[in-house]
Every structure is written in structure tokens, then in C-alpha cells.
N, C-alpha and C. Protein backbone atom coordinates (compact mmCIF):
# COMPACT_ATOMS: atom_id res chain seq x y z
N MET A 1 -20.67 6.31 2.54
CA MET A 1 -21.75 5.79 1.75
C MET A 1 -21.56 4.35 1.51
N LEU A 2 -22.58 3.65 1.77
CA LEU A 2 -22.48 2.16 1.73
C LEU A 2 -23.14 1.75 0.59
N CYS A 3 -22.65 1.03 -0.34
CA CYS A 3 -23.06 0.62 -1.61
C CYS A 3 -22.89 -1.12 -1.77
N GLU A 4 -24.18 -1.72 -1.87
CA GLU A 4 -24.05 -3.18 -2.02
C GLU A 4 -24.24 -3.47 -3.64
N CYS A 5 -23.37 -4.29 -4.01
CA CYS A 5 -23.50 -4.56 -5.27
C CYS A 5 -23.43 -6.08 -5.64
N ILE A 6 -24.13 -6.72 -6.72
CA ILE A 6 -24.08 -7.95 -6.99
C ILE A 6 -23.07 -8.08 -8.28
N CYS A 7 -22.09 -8.83 -8.03
CA CYS A 7 -21.01 -8.90 -9.14
C CYS A 7 -20.60 -10.30 -9.43
N SER A 8 -21.21 -10.93 -10.59
CA SER A 8 -20.81 -12.21 -10.78
C SER A 8 -21.43 -13.29 -9.73
N ALA A 9 -22.61 -12.84 -9.42
CA ALA A 9 -23.38 -13.81 -8.45
C ALA A 9 -22.82 -13.93 -6.92
N LEU A 10 -21.86 -12.79 -6.67
CA LEU A 10 -21.16 -12.63 -5.31
C LEU A 10 -21.55 -11.34 -4.91
N ALA A 11 -22.00 -11.34 -3.60
CA ALA A 11 -22.43 -9.90 -3.11
C ALA A 11 -21.21 -9.31 -2.58
N VAL A 12 -20.79 -8.22 -3.11
CA VAL A 12 -19.55 -7.44 -2.71
C VAL A 12 -20.17 -6.07 -1.96
N VAL A 13 -19.69 -5.89 -0.86
CA VAL A 13 -19.86 -4.71 -0.17
C VAL A 13 -18.92 -3.67 -0.16
N VAL A 14 -19.12 -2.58 -0.76
CA VAL A 14 -18.34 -1.29 -0.90
C VAL A 14 -18.72 -0.12 -0.06
N TYR A 15 -17.65 0.35 0.61
CA TYR A 15 -17.70 1.57 1.35
C TYR A 15 -16.92 2.82 0.81
N SER A 16 -17.49 3.79 0.25
CA SER A 16 -16.89 4.67 -0.51
C SER A 16 -17.06 6.11 0.28
N GLN A 17 -15.93 6.77 0.39
CA GLN A 17 -16.13 8.05 1.01
C GLN A 17 -14.88 8.99 0.43
N SER A 18 -14.67 9.06 -0.86
CA SER A 18 -13.77 9.44 -1.80
C SER A 18 -14.09 11.20 -1.82
N TYR A 19 -13.30 11.87 -1.60
CA TYR A 19 -13.61 13.42 -1.82
C TYR A 19 -14.47 13.87 -0.68
N ALA A 20 -14.36 13.39 0.59
CA ALA A 20 -15.54 13.74 1.41
C ALA A 20 -14.97 14.60 2.52
N GLY A 21 -13.68 14.97 2.44
CA GLY A 21 -13.13 16.01 3.33
C GLY A 21 -12.75 15.24 4.72
N LEU A 22 -12.73 13.90 4.66
CA LEU A 22 -12.51 13.31 5.94
C LEU A 22 -10.87 13.45 6.55
N THR A 23 -10.79 13.76 7.65
CA THR A 23 -9.64 13.86 8.46
C THR A 23 -9.11 12.78 9.23
N ALA A 24 -10.01 11.61 9.20
CA ALA A 24 -9.74 10.22 9.95
C ALA A 24 -10.65 9.23 9.32
N VAL A 25 -10.17 8.03 9.46
CA VAL A 25 -10.78 6.89 9.02
C VAL A 25 -12.42 6.91 9.84
N PRO A 26 -13.39 6.84 9.11
CA PRO A 26 -14.62 6.69 9.93
C PRO A 26 -14.90 5.43 10.73
N GLY A 27 -15.70 5.73 11.73
CA GLY A 27 -15.89 4.52 12.40
C GLY A 27 -17.11 3.67 12.18
N ASP A 28 -17.84 4.09 11.00
CA ASP A 28 -19.01 3.34 10.61
C ASP A 28 -19.03 2.30 9.62
N ILE A 29 -17.57 2.11 9.07
CA ILE A 29 -17.44 1.01 8.10
C ILE A 29 -17.58 -0.25 8.68
N PRO A 30 -18.79 -1.11 7.68
CA PRO A 30 -19.36 -2.38 8.20
C PRO A 30 -18.12 -3.29 8.25
N PHE A 31 -18.22 -4.30 9.11
CA PHE A 31 -17.15 -5.32 9.17
C PHE A 31 -17.25 -6.30 8.01
N ASP A 32 -18.19 -6.56 7.22
CA ASP A 32 -18.10 -7.46 6.22
C ASP A 32 -17.83 -6.51 4.77
N VAL A 33 -17.28 -5.49 4.72
CA VAL A 33 -16.90 -4.67 3.66
C VAL A 33 -15.72 -5.45 2.78
N ASN A 34 -16.08 -5.35 1.41
CA ASN A 34 -15.16 -5.92 0.62
C ASN A 34 -13.94 -4.91 -0.02
N ARG A 35 -14.56 -3.76 -0.22
CA ARG A 35 -13.77 -2.76 -0.92
C ARG A 35 -14.14 -1.28 -0.09
N ILE A 36 -12.90 -0.74 0.27
CA ILE A 36 -12.90 0.65 0.80
C ILE A 36 -12.39 1.54 -0.10
N SER A 37 -12.93 2.72 -0.25
CA SER A 37 -12.29 4.01 -0.95
C SER A 37 -12.46 5.12 0.02
N LEU A 38 -11.18 5.48 0.42
CA LEU A 38 -11.00 6.72 1.02
C LEU A 38 -10.08 7.69 0.57
N ASP A 39 -10.06 7.73 -0.70
CA ASP A 39 -8.92 8.36 -1.36
C ASP A 39 -9.33 10.00 -1.40
N HIS A 40 -8.52 10.86 -1.72
CA HIS A 40 -8.86 12.18 -1.91
C HIS A 40 -9.31 12.75 -0.67
N ASN A 41 -8.97 12.51 0.36
CA ASN A 41 -9.28 13.33 1.69
C ASN A 41 -8.16 13.98 2.27
N GLN A 42 -8.42 14.20 3.87
CA GLN A 42 -7.33 14.91 4.39
C GLN A 42 -6.89 13.86 5.65
N ILE A 43 -6.91 12.74 5.39
CA ILE A 43 -6.74 11.68 6.68
C ILE A 43 -5.20 11.90 6.77
N THR A 44 -4.83 11.99 7.92
CA THR A 44 -3.47 12.27 8.35
C THR A 44 -2.59 10.94 8.94
N SER A 45 -3.35 10.03 9.64
CA SER A 45 -2.88 8.91 10.17
C SER A 45 -3.87 7.90 10.25
N LEU A 46 -3.18 6.48 10.48
CA LEU A 46 -4.07 5.34 10.46
C LEU A 46 -3.88 4.57 11.90
N GLU A 47 -4.75 4.61 12.73
CA GLU A 47 -4.59 4.35 14.13
C GLU A 47 -4.65 2.83 14.26
N ASP A 48 -4.29 2.35 15.51
CA ASP A 48 -4.24 0.99 15.79
C ASP A 48 -5.41 0.16 15.51
N ASN A 49 -5.31 -0.88 14.79
CA ASN A 49 -6.43 -1.85 14.52
C ASN A 49 -7.73 -1.11 13.58
N VAL A 50 -7.30 -0.07 12.85
CA VAL A 50 -8.34 0.65 12.30
C VAL A 50 -9.03 -0.13 11.26
N PHE A 51 -8.30 -1.15 10.63
CA PHE A 51 -9.15 -1.82 9.72
C PHE A 51 -9.12 -3.39 10.04
N SER A 52 -8.76 -3.44 11.11
CA SER A 52 -8.78 -5.13 11.83
C SER A 52 -10.02 -5.71 11.62
N PRO A 53 -11.07 -5.04 11.99
CA PRO A 53 -12.46 -5.75 12.01
C PRO A 53 -12.97 -6.30 10.40
N CYS A 54 -12.32 -5.52 9.53
CA CYS A 54 -12.61 -5.75 8.12
C CYS A 54 -12.08 -6.94 7.42
N THR A 55 -12.36 -8.15 7.84
CA THR A 55 -11.58 -9.39 7.75
C THR A 55 -11.98 -9.81 6.18
N ASP A 56 -12.94 -9.36 5.66
CA ASP A 56 -12.96 -9.60 4.14
C ASP A 56 -12.69 -8.66 3.06
N LEU A 57 -11.79 -7.56 3.59
CA LEU A 57 -11.28 -6.71 2.82
C LEU A 57 -10.45 -7.05 1.90
N SER A 58 -10.73 -6.87 0.57
CA SER A 58 -9.73 -7.33 -0.50
C SER A 58 -9.20 -5.99 -1.29
N PHE A 59 -9.78 -4.80 -1.29
CA PHE A 59 -9.48 -3.83 -1.85
C PHE A 59 -9.26 -2.33 -1.08
N LEU A 60 -8.37 -1.65 -0.99
CA LEU A 60 -8.32 -0.52 -0.06
C LEU A 60 -7.45 0.59 -0.71
N THR A 61 -8.23 1.62 -0.89
CA THR A 61 -7.43 2.88 -1.36
C THR A 61 -7.48 3.86 -0.33
N LEU A 62 -6.45 4.49 -0.10
CA LEU A 62 -5.98 5.72 0.89
C LEU A 62 -5.14 6.51 0.01
N ALA A 63 -5.17 6.53 -1.04
CA ALA A 63 -4.31 7.60 -2.19
C ALA A 63 -4.87 8.85 -1.93
N ASP A 64 -3.81 9.85 -2.18
CA ASP A 64 -3.96 11.11 -2.22
C ASP A 64 -4.71 11.79 -0.97
N ASN A 65 -4.10 11.28 0.16
CA ASN A 65 -4.46 11.77 1.58
C ASN A 65 -3.37 12.52 2.08
N LEU A 66 -3.32 12.99 3.42
CA LEU A 66 -2.05 13.52 3.96
C LEU A 66 -1.36 12.53 5.06
N ILE A 67 -1.55 11.16 4.79
CA ILE A 67 -1.26 10.16 5.90
C ILE A 67 0.32 10.34 6.08
N SER A 68 0.73 10.58 7.32
CA SER A 68 2.29 10.53 7.60
C SER A 68 2.65 9.58 8.68
N SER A 69 1.57 8.87 9.40
CA SER A 69 1.93 7.75 10.00
C SER A 69 0.78 6.79 10.06
N ILE A 70 1.41 5.47 10.12
CA ILE A 70 0.45 4.40 10.18
C ILE A 70 1.04 3.36 11.27
N SER A 71 -0.06 3.04 12.34
CA SER A 71 0.24 2.19 13.40
C SER A 71 0.68 0.84 12.82
N PRO A 72 1.74 0.29 13.32
CA PRO A 72 2.17 -1.14 13.02
C PRO A 72 0.75 -2.17 13.09
N THR A 73 -0.23 -1.82 13.74
CA THR A 73 -1.28 -2.82 13.72
C THR A 73 -2.57 -2.22 13.04
N ALA A 74 -2.20 -1.20 12.38
CA ALA A 74 -3.49 -0.57 11.58
C ALA A 74 -4.07 -1.76 10.59
N PHE A 75 -3.32 -2.73 9.89
CA PHE A 75 -3.97 -3.70 9.07
C PHE A 75 -3.99 -5.07 9.69
N ASP A 76 -3.70 -5.13 10.88
CA ASP A 76 -4.16 -6.48 11.44
C ASP A 76 -5.36 -6.86 11.17
N GLY A 77 -5.47 -8.41 10.72
CA GLY A 77 -6.61 -9.10 10.44
C GLY A 77 -6.99 -8.94 9.17
N CYS A 78 -6.36 -8.01 8.19
CA CYS A 78 -6.60 -7.72 6.81
C CYS A 78 -5.89 -8.79 5.84
N SER A 79 -6.17 -10.08 6.17
CA SER A 79 -5.25 -10.96 5.46
C SER A 79 -5.88 -11.33 4.06
N LYS A 80 -6.87 -10.49 3.50
CA LYS A 80 -7.25 -10.89 2.32
C LYS A 80 -7.13 -9.65 1.13
N VAL A 81 -6.52 -8.62 1.63
CA VAL A 81 -6.34 -7.51 0.93
C VAL A 81 -5.25 -7.85 -0.36
N ASN A 82 -5.73 -7.68 -1.51
CA ASN A 82 -4.89 -8.03 -2.68
C ASN A 82 -4.50 -6.80 -3.25
N THR A 83 -5.17 -5.63 -3.09
CA THR A 83 -4.76 -4.32 -3.75
C THR A 83 -4.78 -3.13 -2.73
N LEU A 84 -3.60 -2.61 -2.53
CA LEU A 84 -3.63 -1.31 -1.56
C LEU A 84 -2.99 -0.12 -2.40
N LEU A 85 -3.69 0.79 -2.34
CA LEU A 85 -3.30 2.21 -2.84
C LEU A 85 -2.91 3.18 -1.68
N LEU A 86 -1.72 3.62 -1.71
CA LEU A 86 -1.25 4.48 -0.68
C LEU A 86 -0.39 5.52 -1.18
N TYR A 87 -0.51 5.82 -2.47
CA TYR A 87 0.39 6.73 -3.17
C TYR A 87 -0.18 8.09 -2.74
N ASN A 88 0.83 9.08 -3.10
CA ASN A 88 0.66 10.41 -2.91
C ASN A 88 0.10 10.73 -1.38
N ASN A 89 0.91 10.27 -0.35
CA ASN A 89 0.65 10.70 0.81
C ASN A 89 2.00 11.28 1.63
N LYS A 90 2.19 11.43 2.83
CA LYS A 90 3.23 11.89 3.48
C LYS A 90 4.04 10.91 4.27
N LEU A 91 3.95 9.67 3.83
CA LEU A 91 4.80 8.70 4.40
C LEU A 91 6.28 8.98 4.44
N GLU A 92 6.92 8.75 5.70
CA GLU A 92 8.46 8.88 5.53
C GLU A 92 8.76 7.13 6.03
N THR A 93 8.00 6.56 6.43
CA THR A 93 8.45 5.19 6.89
C THR A 93 7.65 4.25 6.19
N PHE A 94 8.22 3.05 5.77
CA PHE A 94 7.41 2.14 4.94
C PHE A 94 6.41 1.51 6.17
N PRO A 95 5.37 1.42 5.86
CA PRO A 95 4.32 0.61 6.66
C PRO A 95 4.46 -0.85 6.78
N ASN A 96 3.99 -1.34 8.01
CA ASN A 96 4.11 -2.68 8.30
C ASN A 96 2.62 -3.38 7.48
N LEU A 97 3.16 -4.05 6.64
CA LEU A 97 1.94 -4.67 5.80
C LEU A 97 2.18 -6.21 5.93
N SER A 98 2.75 -6.63 7.04
CA SER A 98 3.02 -8.25 7.02
C SER A 98 1.56 -9.02 7.09
N ALA A 99 0.46 -8.26 7.77
CA ALA A 99 -0.71 -8.85 7.77
C ALA A 99 -1.37 -9.18 6.33
N MET A 100 -0.82 -8.41 5.42
CA MET A 100 -1.33 -8.74 4.02
C MET A 100 -0.39 -9.68 3.44
N GLY A 101 0.75 -10.15 3.79
CA GLY A 101 1.90 -10.58 3.04
C GLY A 101 1.69 -11.64 2.19
N SER A 102 0.70 -12.55 2.58
CA SER A 102 0.33 -13.75 1.68
C SER A 102 -0.72 -13.35 0.83
N SER A 103 -1.34 -12.16 0.85
CA SER A 103 -2.51 -11.83 -0.23
C SER A 103 -2.28 -10.76 -0.95
N LEU A 104 -1.34 -9.82 -0.69
CA LEU A 104 -1.14 -8.40 -1.31
C LEU A 104 -0.48 -8.74 -2.75
N LEU A 105 -1.22 -8.45 -3.80
CA LEU A 105 -0.71 -8.62 -5.09
C LEU A 105 -0.29 -7.40 -5.72
N ASN A 106 -1.10 -6.20 -5.35
CA ASN A 106 -0.68 -4.93 -6.06
C ASN A 106 -0.52 -3.80 -5.16
N LEU A 107 0.59 -3.11 -5.04
CA LEU A 107 0.92 -2.14 -4.10
C LEU A 107 1.39 -0.87 -4.91
N TYR A 108 0.42 0.10 -4.64
CA TYR A 108 0.77 1.48 -5.25
C TYR A 108 1.32 2.46 -4.09
N ILE A 109 2.40 2.74 -3.95
CA ILE A 109 3.00 3.45 -2.74
C ILE A 109 3.86 4.54 -3.06
N GLY A 110 3.99 4.85 -4.52
CA GLY A 110 4.72 6.12 -5.02
C GLY A 110 4.18 7.44 -4.38
N GLY A 111 5.00 8.50 -4.66
CA GLY A 111 4.62 9.92 -4.30
C GLY A 111 4.56 9.88 -2.75
N ASN A 112 5.45 9.13 -1.88
CA ASN A 112 5.69 9.21 -0.76
C ASN A 112 7.11 9.83 -0.44
N GLN A 113 7.72 10.22 0.63
CA GLN A 113 9.18 10.60 0.80
C GLN A 113 9.68 9.65 1.78
N PHE A 114 9.90 8.49 1.53
CA PHE A 114 10.45 7.59 2.44
C PHE A 114 11.81 8.16 3.03
N LEU A 115 11.93 8.13 4.22
CA LEU A 115 13.33 8.63 4.68
C LEU A 115 14.21 7.46 4.82
N ASN A 116 13.96 6.29 4.84
CA ASN A 116 14.87 4.99 4.99
C ASN A 116 14.21 3.76 4.42
N LEU A 117 13.91 3.54 3.17
CA LEU A 117 13.42 2.36 2.60
C LEU A 117 14.22 1.37 2.40
N LEU A 118 14.08 0.24 3.26
CA LEU A 118 14.86 -0.96 3.48
C LEU A 118 14.58 -2.12 2.59
N PRO A 119 15.65 -2.93 2.18
CA PRO A 119 15.06 -4.06 1.51
C PRO A 119 13.98 -5.08 2.42
N GLY A 120 14.33 -5.17 3.63
CA GLY A 120 13.58 -5.76 4.54
C GLY A 120 12.16 -5.27 4.48
N ASP A 121 11.94 -4.17 4.12
CA ASP A 121 10.51 -3.68 3.99
C ASP A 121 9.54 -4.38 3.18
N PHE A 122 10.19 -5.36 2.19
CA PHE A 122 9.43 -6.11 1.20
C PHE A 122 9.39 -7.37 1.44
N VAL A 123 10.10 -8.00 2.54
CA VAL A 123 10.45 -9.23 2.69
C VAL A 123 9.20 -10.21 3.12
N ASN A 124 8.14 -9.73 3.60
CA ASN A 124 6.79 -10.24 4.12
C ASN A 124 5.91 -10.22 2.98
N LEU A 125 6.18 -9.42 1.97
CA LEU A 125 5.11 -9.39 0.71
C LEU A 125 5.41 -10.60 -0.31
N ILE A 126 5.27 -11.70 0.16
CA ILE A 126 5.49 -12.90 -0.59
C ILE A 126 4.62 -13.07 -1.91
N ALA A 127 3.52 -12.41 -2.00
CA ALA A 127 2.63 -12.70 -3.08
C ALA A 127 2.75 -11.51 -4.10
N LEU A 128 3.36 -10.45 -3.65
CA LEU A 128 3.40 -9.17 -4.45
C LEU A 128 3.80 -9.34 -5.92
N GLN A 129 2.94 -8.89 -6.85
CA GLN A 129 3.38 -9.16 -8.23
C GLN A 129 3.37 -7.67 -8.94
N LEU A 130 3.00 -6.67 -8.45
CA LEU A 130 3.02 -5.35 -9.02
C LEU A 130 3.31 -4.29 -7.61
N LEU A 131 4.60 -3.58 -7.98
CA LEU A 131 4.98 -2.51 -7.16
C LEU A 131 5.08 -1.23 -8.04
N GLN A 132 4.53 -0.18 -7.57
CA GLN A 132 4.49 1.18 -8.11
C GLN A 132 5.33 1.89 -6.99
N LEU A 133 6.53 2.39 -7.47
CA LEU A 133 7.23 3.38 -6.86
C LEU A 133 7.57 4.46 -7.76
N ASN A 134 7.34 6.07 -7.10
CA ASN A 134 7.72 6.96 -8.13
C ASN A 134 7.91 8.30 -7.17
N ASN A 135 8.12 9.29 -7.90
CA ASN A 135 8.08 10.44 -7.50
C ASN A 135 8.87 10.62 -6.14
N GLY A 136 10.26 10.37 -6.06
CA GLY A 136 11.19 10.44 -5.10
C GLY A 136 11.34 9.46 -4.13
N CYS A 137 10.51 8.44 -4.17
CA CYS A 137 10.47 7.41 -3.16
C CYS A 137 11.90 6.85 -2.80
N LEU A 138 12.90 6.78 -3.51
CA LEU A 138 14.21 6.20 -3.24
C LEU A 138 15.09 7.23 -2.97
N LYS A 139 14.86 8.57 -3.19
CA LYS A 139 15.73 9.58 -3.00
C LYS A 139 16.64 9.45 -1.74
N ASN A 140 15.97 9.14 -0.51
CA ASN A 140 16.52 9.02 0.64
C ASN A 140 17.12 7.81 1.09
N SER A 141 17.03 6.92 0.22
CA SER A 141 17.37 5.46 0.43
C SER A 141 19.10 5.43 0.64
N PRO A 142 19.39 4.50 1.27
CA PRO A 142 20.88 4.30 1.51
C PRO A 142 21.54 3.99 0.19
N PRO A 143 22.73 4.40 -0.22
CA PRO A 143 23.35 4.06 -1.27
C PRO A 143 23.60 2.74 -1.81
N ASP A 144 23.45 1.72 -0.76
CA ASP A 144 23.44 0.27 -1.07
C ASP A 144 22.36 -0.22 -1.14
N PHE A 145 21.13 0.35 -1.12
CA PHE A 145 19.73 -0.19 -1.01
C PHE A 145 19.64 -1.05 -2.34
N SER A 146 18.99 -2.20 -1.93
CA SER A 146 18.68 -2.80 -3.24
C SER A 146 17.34 -3.75 -2.73
N PHE A 147 16.63 -4.37 -3.80
CA PHE A 147 15.44 -5.13 -3.43
C PHE A 147 15.87 -6.66 -3.15
N LYS A 148 17.10 -6.83 -2.97
CA LYS A 148 17.55 -8.29 -2.44
C LYS A 148 16.71 -8.71 -1.32
N ASN A 149 16.35 -9.97 -1.34
CA ASN A 149 15.61 -10.56 -0.25
C ASN A 149 14.14 -9.95 -0.23
N GLY A 150 13.75 -9.28 -1.24
CA GLY A 150 12.38 -8.92 -1.22
C GLY A 150 11.88 -9.01 -2.48
N LEU A 151 10.66 -8.77 -3.10
CA LEU A 151 10.26 -8.69 -4.33
C LEU A 151 10.37 -10.15 -4.88
N GLN A 152 9.97 -11.04 -4.26
CA GLN A 152 10.26 -12.38 -4.88
C GLN A 152 9.60 -12.78 -6.16
N ILE A 153 8.35 -12.46 -6.34
CA ILE A 153 7.67 -12.80 -7.47
C ILE A 153 7.14 -11.46 -8.35
N VAL A 154 7.50 -10.41 -7.97
CA VAL A 154 7.20 -9.12 -8.66
C VAL A 154 7.25 -9.33 -10.19
N LYS A 155 6.10 -9.13 -10.87
CA LYS A 155 5.97 -9.14 -12.23
C LYS A 155 6.18 -7.97 -12.95
N ASP A 156 5.44 -6.89 -12.35
CA ASP A 156 5.53 -5.41 -12.82
C ASP A 156 6.17 -4.58 -11.77
N LEU A 157 7.12 -3.78 -11.97
CA LEU A 157 7.89 -2.85 -11.03
C LEU A 157 7.91 -1.56 -11.77
N TYR A 158 7.09 -0.61 -11.41
CA TYR A 158 7.22 0.72 -11.97
C TYR A 158 7.74 1.60 -11.08
N LEU A 159 8.92 2.12 -11.81
CA LEU A 159 9.73 3.14 -11.15
C LEU A 159 9.70 4.28 -12.04
N ALA A 160 9.75 5.45 -11.53
CA ALA A 160 9.80 6.58 -12.33
C ALA A 160 10.00 7.97 -11.40
N ASP A 161 10.86 8.69 -11.74
CA ASP A 161 11.30 9.99 -11.17
C ASP A 161 11.48 9.59 -9.67
N LEU A 162 12.37 8.76 -9.46
CA LEU A 162 12.58 8.21 -8.11
C LEU A 162 13.53 9.02 -7.13
N GLY A 163 14.31 9.99 -7.82
CA GLY A 163 15.18 10.73 -7.08
C GLY A 163 16.52 10.44 -6.91
N VAL A 164 16.87 9.24 -7.56
CA VAL A 164 18.23 8.97 -7.82
C VAL A 164 18.56 8.94 -9.34
N SER A 165 20.02 8.92 -9.35
CA SER A 165 20.54 9.07 -10.72
C SER A 165 20.88 7.72 -11.31
N ASP A 166 21.20 6.64 -10.67
CA ASP A 166 21.65 5.39 -11.00
C ASP A 166 20.93 4.36 -10.27
N LEU A 167 20.18 3.40 -11.09
CA LEU A 167 19.39 2.35 -10.43
C LEU A 167 20.06 0.93 -10.17
N THR A 168 21.31 1.04 -10.75
CA THR A 168 21.90 -0.06 -10.98
C THR A 168 21.97 -0.78 -9.46
N THR A 169 22.58 -0.17 -8.67
CA THR A 169 22.66 -0.74 -7.40
C THR A 169 21.34 -1.35 -6.86
N HIS A 170 20.13 -0.50 -6.95
CA HIS A 170 19.01 -0.79 -6.59
C HIS A 170 18.54 -2.26 -7.03
N LEU A 171 18.89 -2.47 -8.20
CA LEU A 171 18.25 -3.45 -8.99
C LEU A 171 19.18 -4.57 -9.24
N GLN A 172 20.46 -4.59 -8.64
CA GLN A 172 21.54 -5.54 -8.88
C GLN A 172 21.15 -7.07 -8.51
N ASN A 173 20.14 -7.05 -7.71
CA ASN A 173 19.97 -8.50 -6.98
C ASN A 173 18.65 -9.18 -7.59
N LEU A 174 17.97 -8.39 -8.38
CA LEU A 174 16.85 -9.09 -9.10
C LEU A 174 17.23 -10.12 -10.05
N THR A 175 16.50 -11.12 -10.14
CA THR A 175 16.91 -12.34 -10.86
C THR A 175 16.57 -12.11 -12.51
N THR A 176 15.42 -11.28 -12.71
CA THR A 176 15.14 -11.10 -13.99
C THR A 176 14.69 -9.67 -14.33
N VAL A 177 15.10 -8.89 -15.03
CA VAL A 177 14.60 -7.51 -15.20
C VAL A 177 14.50 -7.45 -16.83
N THR A 178 13.22 -7.00 -17.01
CA THR A 178 12.84 -6.75 -18.67
C THR A 178 12.50 -5.32 -18.52
N THR A 179 12.97 -4.69 -19.56
CA THR A 179 12.72 -3.32 -19.78
C THR A 179 11.92 -3.14 -21.06
């Protein structure tokens, strides 16, 4: 479903297929789209360059799917995405988000079962201001995992039900922590 809206005198192209029973990303997404909503489907993977043609994309939600694999090139060309929702999927590996590194402000990625979440996963996310991790995201992380060398300007860090009993090690290298 394609919806063209006029917001603040700017044309915004929205592609919405939430709750559509999709098992894959549709091939009919217009290249000039600004917002894509594919949440609450049964999508299991994101293939090579699936969003690459969408160079004006600023908002993408793939929350509440069954995504277990994301190609390293799935987001190539998506250099304007500022909000990405990937929560409540089946991800075991942190996706390559380097194409969004300078634009991604808000990342909602909780509710996944990462097998090896590493500090380097966040290094390229230099604009990130909000990170939401919850529901066991750190359960399988190494005991010495920390956000060191990542999360450079994060203002809001949402951590809940992470599957770890002590966050001290994970948070020790953040320069400012406000609770």
C-alpha cells in the first residue's frame, strides 16, 4: 500500500505493509520512499541490497517479524535512515548498519537473542542518540563485554530484562551515566 502525504510542505512517500502476512520484503517498494513499515509480518531474512535503491529512506520498521538473518549489504545506500526498528525478531548476530552510521539516530533492537554482541558492533553508529536493548539481548554476551568504543553520543539507553545480573562491566566505560 503506497500512501503519499504532504507534511509541512514536503512530500513524504510512505510504504506500509504492516500485518500483511508477508514472508519476504516486497519487490514493489518505490525508490523514492521516505518511510517503510513492514512490521508484524513473517519476514525471515533481508537479502542483498534489498533496501539499497531506497536512497531517500529515513524511517524503517521491521519490528515483530521472524528475521534471523540480514545480509551485510541489505542496507547499502540507506545513508539517510535516522530511525530503525528491528525489535522482536530472531536475530542472533548484530546486523551491519555501517551504511546508516552517520545518520542513524534511533535504534530499537531489543527482543532479539544475540549470540555474540560485541562493542565493535556499535563503532560505526556515530550519530546514535537512542539505543533500546531489552528482553535478553545481553544474555549471551561475553563477560567482559562493554560499550567501550561505541555509543559515542547516545543520550538515551534503554536497558531492561537483559538476561544479565550485573551491568557494571557492560557500562564501565561510558563517560556519563544518568539513572
